[in-house]
Amino acid sequence: MRQRRWIELLSDYDCEIRYHPGKENVVADALSRKEREKPLRKEDLGRMQKQIFEIRTNGIRYHDKRIWLPLHGGLRDLIMHESHKSKYSIHLGSTKMYQDLMMLYWWPNMKADIATYVSQCLKCAKVKVEHLKPSGLLQQPF
């Protein structure tokens, strides 16, 4: 059925259809055949990690000259707590806190983690000013 529609459509044009066996049709072969990828080995993963991270003599990993904080161990939460809630901090918003922390540290989804952390701060939620429409001029009672 489908072939008949194609024949009817192409019959309006002056064209010649040539058949190329699969082995001879190199262009279609390259496009239609799935390329086999070699599975990654442990050594390859180690090399990729060395390309992404710089490991210094003190054992700390760096990414773009910033300290990489691992997910495990609670270091990310500790850093966010100290930069947001310590007695020397001023409860920065998520954007400013991200800009300050990104100078020294890096981890995947850092900006989203900081935004979530700041949104859960009770002091910030209480103090945050809501943007309301101005009420206008004061009215004098009659």
Protein backbone atom coordinates (compact mmCIF):
# COMPACT_ATOMS: atom_id res chain seq x y z
CA MET A 1 0.00 0.00 0.00
CA ARG A 2 2.71 2.45 1.00
CA GLN A 3 4.83 1.57 -2.02
CA ARG A 4 1.91 2.21 -4.36
CA ARG A 5 1.51 5.73 -2.96
CA TRP A 6 5.20 6.42 -3.52
CA ILE A 7 4.96 5.10 -7.09
CA GLU A 8 1.95 7.33 -7.79
CA LEU A 9 3.72 10.35 -6.31
CA LEU A 10 6.94 9.76 -8.22
CA SER A 11 5.19 8.96 -11.52
CA ASP A 12 4.53 12.69 -11.99
CA TYR A 13 8.28 13.34 -12.18
CA ASP A 14 10.78 12.35 -14.82
CA CYS A 15 13.22 10.38 -12.70
CA GLU A 16 15.10 7.13 -12.76
CA ILE A 17 15.34 4.99 -9.65
CA ARG A 18 18.44 2.84 -9.38
CA TYR A 19 18.90 0.07 -6.89
CA HIS A 20 22.21 -0.20 -5.02
CA PRO A 21 22.81 -3.34 -2.98
CA GLY A 22 23.51 -2.67 0.71
CA LYS A 23 27.24 -3.43 0.53
CA GLU A 24 27.77 -1.03 -2.37
CA ASN A 25 25.66 1.81 -0.93
CA VAL A 26 28.36 3.26 1.32
CA VAL A 27 26.58 6.54 2.10
CA ALA A 28 23.38 4.90 3.31
CA ASP A 29 25.42 2.26 5.10
CA ALA A 30 27.29 4.87 7.15
CA LEU A 31 24.06 6.62 8.09
CA SER A 32 21.92 3.58 8.83
CA ARG A 33 24.34 1.32 10.66
CA LYS A 34 24.81 1.82 14.36
CA GLU A 35 28.41 2.40 15.29
CA ARG A 36 29.67 0.13 18.02
CA GLU A 37 31.29 1.94 20.90
CA LYS A 38 33.85 0.25 23.06
CA PRO A 39 32.76 -0.10 26.69
CA LEU A 40 34.59 2.15 29.14
CA ARG A 41 37.21 0.51 31.27
CA LYS A 42 38.37 1.41 34.74
CA GLU A 43 41.56 2.95 33.35
CA ASP A 44 39.58 5.15 30.95
CA LEU A 45 37.45 6.47 33.80
CA GLY A 46 40.58 7.27 35.78
CA ARG A 47 42.04 9.19 32.83
CA MET A 48 38.79 11.12 32.34
CA GLN A 49 38.77 12.03 36.02
CA LYS A 50 42.33 13.35 35.77
CA GLN A 51 41.32 15.51 32.80
CA ILE A 52 38.37 17.03 34.68
CA PHE A 53 39.96 17.33 38.12
CA GLU A 54 43.41 18.42 39.20
CA ILE A 55 44.59 16.43 42.21
CA ARG A 56 47.23 18.28 44.21
CA THR A 57 49.80 16.87 46.64
CA ASN A 58 47.56 17.52 49.65
CA GLY A 59 44.95 15.14 48.16
CA ILE A 60 42.38 17.85 47.48
CA ARG A 61 40.72 17.80 44.07
CA TYR A 62 40.37 21.05 42.15
CA HIS A 63 38.07 21.90 39.25
CA ASP A 64 38.97 25.12 37.40
CA LYS A 65 41.19 26.21 40.32
CA ARG A 66 38.29 25.80 42.78
CA ILE A 67 38.04 23.17 45.49
CA TRP A 68 35.70 20.32 44.53
CA LEU A 69 33.38 19.35 47.37
CA PRO A 70 32.19 15.72 47.33
CA LEU A 71 28.57 14.80 47.99
CA HIS A 72 29.38 12.54 50.92
CA GLY A 73 30.58 13.72 54.30
CA GLY A 74 28.36 16.78 54.67
CA LEU A 75 31.00 19.27 53.52
CA ARG A 76 28.62 21.05 51.17
CA ASP A 77 26.05 21.60 53.92
CA LEU A 78 28.74 22.77 56.33
CA ILE A 79 30.13 25.29 53.82
CA MET A 80 26.65 26.60 53.01
CA HIS A 81 25.77 26.84 56.71
CA GLU A 82 28.96 28.74 57.57
CA SER A 83 28.58 31.17 54.69
CA HIS A 84 24.88 31.82 55.37
CA LYS A 85 24.11 31.38 59.07
CA SER A 86 27.33 31.91 61.01
CA LYS A 87 27.50 34.84 63.43
CA TYR A 88 29.76 36.72 60.98
CA SER A 89 27.47 36.36 57.96
CA ILE A 90 24.47 38.46 57.05
CA HIS A 91 22.04 35.89 55.58
CA LEU A 92 22.90 36.55 51.95
CA GLY A 93 20.43 35.80 49.20
CA SER A 94 21.02 32.81 46.96
CA THR A 95 22.58 34.80 44.09
CA LYS A 96 25.13 36.64 46.26
CA MET A 97 25.90 33.50 48.24
CA TYR A 98 26.49 31.58 45.00
CA GLN A 99 28.79 34.32 43.66
CA ASP A 100 30.82 34.27 46.88
CA LEU A 101 31.09 30.48 47.10
CA MET A 102 31.86 29.92 43.42
CA MET A 103 35.14 31.79 43.83
CA LEU A 104 36.45 29.06 46.13
CA TYR A 105 34.34 25.91 45.68
CA TRP A 106 32.69 23.82 42.98
CA TRP A 107 30.25 20.91 42.89
CA PRO A 108 27.61 19.77 40.39
CA ASN A 109 24.27 21.66 40.63
CA MET A 110 25.85 24.13 43.04
CA LYS A 111 23.55 27.03 42.17
CA ALA A 112 20.38 24.94 42.63
CA ASP A 113 21.63 23.52 45.95
CA ILE A 114 22.36 27.01 47.29
CA ALA A 115 18.95 28.31 46.16
CA THR A 116 17.25 25.41 47.93
CA TYR A 117 19.29 25.98 51.08
CA VAL A 118 18.50 29.71 51.22
CA SER A 119 14.79 29.11 50.53
CA GLN A 120 14.64 26.84 53.60
CA CYS A 121 16.14 29.47 55.95
CA LEU A 122 13.43 30.56 58.43
CA LYS A 123 15.07 33.90 59.29
CA CYS A 124 15.27 34.86 55.64
CA ALA A 125 11.63 33.87 55.09
CA LYS A 126 10.48 36.00 58.04
CA VAL A 127 12.51 39.07 57.12
CA LYS A 128 12.05 38.92 53.35
CA VAL A 129 9.94 41.82 52.14
CA GLU A 130 7.09 40.86 49.89
CA HIS A 131 6.67 42.97 46.81
CA LEU A 132 3.20 44.44 47.18
CA LYS A 133 1.50 47.10 45.15
CA PRO A 134 1.91 50.52 46.86
CA SER A 135 -1.24 51.45 48.75
CA GLY A 136 -1.18 55.05 47.57
CA LEU A 137 -1.54 58.26 49.56
CA LEU A 138 -2.90 58.23 53.09
CA GLN A 139 -6.57 59.12 53.34
CA GLN A 140 -7.88 61.38 56.11
CA PRO A 141 -11.04 60.08 57.82
CA PHE A 142 -14.14 62.32 57.52
